[in-house]
Amino acid sequence: MIARVQDTIERNGGETKALEKIGRKRLAYSIRKKNNGFYVSIEFIAPGGVTNELERFYQLDENILRYLTVVVDKNVLKARHPSSVQSEESRPQVQTKSEKSAS
């Protein structure tokens, strides 16, 4: 599933910057009768339309219980990576976190 998300990002002109598999964690409350979830954080740079396509994919997939898409401000990017942001200022960076059911 992670490979499919990365493929969607790259197919639409984006680039994956960081992928962190946080792992299986207990949920604070049951979601669809699931008590555990597998958390993944993907940081990527892509045109604006990619987020709509990814969120549609997340909604249609039964294995994804929750997701969060965050557009990171340019000032935050400058603080993180001062030299690499100058060439990428025109493209917004988006970070997505999703959790899958641990079936």
C-alpha atoms as a PDB file:
ATOM      1  CA  MET A   1       0.000   0.000   0.000  1.00  0.00           C
ATOM      2  CA  ILE A   2       2.878   2.366   0.775  1.00  0.00           C
ATOM      3  CA  ALA A   3       4.351   1.638  -2.655  1.00  0.00           C
ATOM      4  CA  ARG A   4       1.017   2.506  -4.279  1.00  0.00           C
ATOM      5  CA  VAL A   5       0.950   5.879  -2.488  1.00  0.00           C
ATOM      6  CA  GLN A   6       4.529   6.625  -3.546  1.00  0.00           C
ATOM      7  CA  ASP A   7       3.708   5.585  -7.107  1.00  0.00           C
ATOM      8  CA  THR A   8       0.722   7.955  -7.159  1.00  0.00           C
ATOM      9  CA  ILE A   9       2.925  10.804  -5.959  1.00  0.00           C
ATOM     10  CA  GLU A  10       5.627  10.172  -8.572  1.00  0.00           C
ATOM     11  CA  ARG A  11       3.152   9.549 -11.397  1.00  0.00           C
ATOM     12  CA  ASN A  12       1.655  13.014 -10.805  1.00  0.00           C
ATOM     13  CA  GLY A  13       4.934  14.902 -10.830  1.00  0.00           C
ATOM     14  CA  GLY A  14       5.828  14.687  -7.153  1.00  0.00           C
ATOM     15  CA  GLU A  15       8.861  13.518  -5.253  1.00  0.00           C
ATOM     16  CA  THR A  16       9.025  11.592  -1.967  1.00  0.00           C
ATOM     17  CA  LYS A  17      11.419  13.263   0.478  1.00  0.00           C
ATOM     18  CA  ALA A  18      11.065  11.054   3.546  1.00  0.00           C
ATOM     19  CA  LEU A  19       9.256   7.862   4.478  1.00  0.00           C
ATOM     20  CA  GLU A  20       8.971   6.797   8.093  1.00  0.00           C
ATOM     21  CA  LYS A  21       7.285   3.560   9.078  1.00  0.00           C
ATOM     22  CA  ILE A  22       6.365   4.340  12.658  1.00  0.00           C
ATOM     23  CA  GLY A  23       4.905   0.893  13.145  1.00  0.00           C
ATOM     24  CA  ARG A  24       2.048  -0.774  14.932  1.00  0.00           C
ATOM     25  CA  LYS A  25       0.521   1.143  17.822  1.00  0.00           C
ATOM     26  CA  ARG A  26      -2.533   0.797  19.973  1.00  0.00           C
ATOM     27  CA  LEU A  27      -5.316   3.215  19.050  1.00  0.00           C
ATOM     28  CA  ALA A  28      -6.720   5.551  21.695  1.00  0.00           C
ATOM     29  CA  TYR A  29     -10.189   4.207  20.895  1.00  0.00           C
ATOM     30  CA  SER A  30     -11.606   1.511  18.629  1.00  0.00           C
ATOM     31  CA  ILE A  31     -12.135   2.455  14.996  1.00  0.00           C
ATOM     32  CA  ARG A  32     -14.246   0.005  12.982  1.00  0.00           C
ATOM     33  CA  LYS A  33     -13.666  -2.605  15.698  1.00  0.00           C
ATOM     34  CA  LYS A  34      -9.876  -2.289  15.375  1.00  0.00           C
ATOM     35  CA  ASN A  35      -7.668  -1.621  18.388  1.00  0.00           C
ATOM     36  CA  ASN A  36      -4.261  -1.420  16.644  1.00  0.00           C
ATOM     37  CA  GLY A  37      -3.023   0.482  13.629  1.00  0.00           C
ATOM     38  CA  PHE A  38       0.151   0.682  11.557  1.00  0.00           C
ATOM     39  CA  TYR A  39       1.338   4.299  11.306  1.00  0.00           C
ATOM     40  CA  VAL A  40       3.264   5.680   8.324  1.00  0.00           C
ATOM     41  CA  SER A  41       4.543   9.209   7.703  1.00  0.00           C
ATOM     42  CA  ILE A  42       5.359  10.269   4.131  1.00  0.00           C
ATOM     43  CA  GLU A  43       6.904  13.650   3.412  1.00  0.00           C
ATOM     44  CA  PHE A  44       6.774  14.707  -0.231  1.00  0.00           C
ATOM     45  CA  ILE A  45       6.818  17.630  -2.632  1.00  0.00           C
ATOM     46  CA  ALA A  46       4.120  17.663  -5.308  1.00  0.00           C
ATOM     47  CA  PRO A  47       1.731  19.906  -7.234  1.00  0.00           C
ATOM     48  CA  GLY A  48      -1.516  20.800  -5.454  1.00  0.00           C
ATOM     49  CA  GLY A  49      -3.754  18.321  -7.281  1.00  0.00           C
ATOM     50  CA  VAL A  50      -1.889  15.325  -5.917  1.00  0.00           C
ATOM     51  CA  THR A  51      -3.319  15.777  -2.427  1.00  0.00           C
ATOM     52  CA  ASN A  52      -6.883  15.504  -3.754  1.00  0.00           C
ATOM     53  CA  GLU A  53      -6.053  12.284  -5.572  1.00  0.00           C
ATOM     54  CA  LEU A  54      -4.285  10.811  -2.533  1.00  0.00           C
ATOM     55  CA  GLU A  55      -7.135  11.676  -0.184  1.00  0.00           C
ATOM     56  CA  ARG A  56      -9.626  10.081  -2.559  1.00  0.00           C
ATOM     57  CA  PHE A  57      -7.448   6.949  -2.577  1.00  0.00           C
ATOM     58  CA  TYR A  58      -7.357   6.975   1.249  1.00  0.00           C
ATOM     59  CA  GLN A  59     -11.147   7.235   1.477  1.00  0.00           C
ATOM     60  CA  LEU A  60     -11.752   4.384  -0.943  1.00  0.00           C
ATOM     61  CA  ASP A  61      -9.299   1.951   0.650  1.00  0.00           C
ATOM     62  CA  GLU A  62     -10.841  -0.061   3.476  1.00  0.00           C
ATOM     63  CA  ASN A  63      -7.485  -0.676   5.157  1.00  0.00           C
ATOM     64  CA  ILE A  64      -6.865   3.000   5.870  1.00  0.00           C
ATOM     65  CA  LEU A  65      -8.685   3.977   9.045  1.00  0.00           C
ATOM     66  CA  ARG A  66      -7.569   7.611   9.378  1.00  0.00           C
ATOM     67  CA  TYR A  67      -5.281   9.978   7.512  1.00  0.00           C
ATOM     68  CA  LEU A  68      -3.987  13.499   7.951  1.00  0.00           C
ATOM     69  CA  THR A  69      -2.594  15.702   5.180  1.00  0.00           C
ATOM     70  CA  VAL A  70      -0.621  18.788   6.202  1.00  0.00           C
ATOM     71  CA  VAL A  71       0.769  21.516   3.943  1.00  0.00           C
ATOM     72  CA  VAL A  72       4.039  22.659   5.475  1.00  0.00           C
ATOM     73  CA  ASP A  73       4.746  26.410   5.517  1.00  0.00           C
ATOM     74  CA  LYS A  74       7.797  27.686   3.616  1.00  0.00           C
ATOM     75  CA  ASN A  75       9.260  29.207   6.803  1.00  0.00           C
ATOM     76  CA  VAL A  76       9.216  25.798   8.475  1.00  0.00           C
ATOM     77  CA  LEU A  77      10.975  24.304   5.463  1.00  0.00           C
ATOM     78  CA  LYS A  78      13.657  26.998   5.617  1.00  0.00           C
ATOM     79  CA  ALA A  79      14.267  26.229   9.279  1.00  0.00           C
ATOM     80  CA  ARG A  80      14.590  22.494   8.557  1.00  0.00           C
ATOM     81  CA  HIS A  81      16.728  22.577   5.408  1.00  0.00           C
ATOM     82  CA  PRO A  82      18.066  26.088   4.744  1.00  0.00           C
ATOM     83  CA  SER A  83      20.040  25.285   1.574  1.00  0.00           C
ATOM     84  CA  SER A  84      17.636  22.890  -0.176  1.00  0.00           C
ATOM     85  CA  VAL A  85      14.539  25.092   0.108  1.00  0.00           C
ATOM     86  CA  GLN A  86      15.787  27.846  -2.193  1.00  0.00           C
ATOM     87  CA  SER A  87      15.469  25.658  -5.292  1.00  0.00           C
ATOM     88  CA  GLU A  88      12.104  24.195  -4.233  1.00  0.00           C
ATOM     89  CA  GLU A  89      10.243  27.345  -3.095  1.00  0.00           C
ATOM     90  CA  SER A  90       7.797  27.232  -5.990  1.00  0.00           C
ATOM     91  CA  ARG A  91       6.445  23.773  -5.091  1.00  0.00           C
ATOM     92  CA  PRO A  92       4.513  23.233  -1.833  1.00  0.00           C
ATOM     93  CA  GLN A  93       5.575  20.402   0.426  1.00  0.00           C
ATOM     94  CA  VAL A  94       2.937  18.137   1.896  1.00  0.00           C
ATOM     95  CA  GLN A  95       3.243  15.646   4.693  1.00  0.00           C
ATOM     96  CA  THR A  96       0.773  12.804   5.009  1.00  0.00           C
ATOM     97  CA  LYS A  97       0.216  10.502   7.928  1.00  0.00           C
ATOM     98  CA  SER A  98      -2.051   7.511   7.625  1.00  0.00           C
ATOM     99  CA  GLU A  99      -2.851   4.490   9.661  1.00  0.00           C
ATOM    100  CA  LYS A 100      -3.912   1.096   8.396  1.00  0.00           C
ATOM    101  CA  SER A 101      -5.781  -1.540  10.243  1.00  0.00           C
ATOM    102  CA  ALA A 102      -3.619  -4.313  11.582  1.00  0.00           C
ATOM    103  CA  SER A 103      -5.466  -7.198   9.979  1.00  0.00           C
END
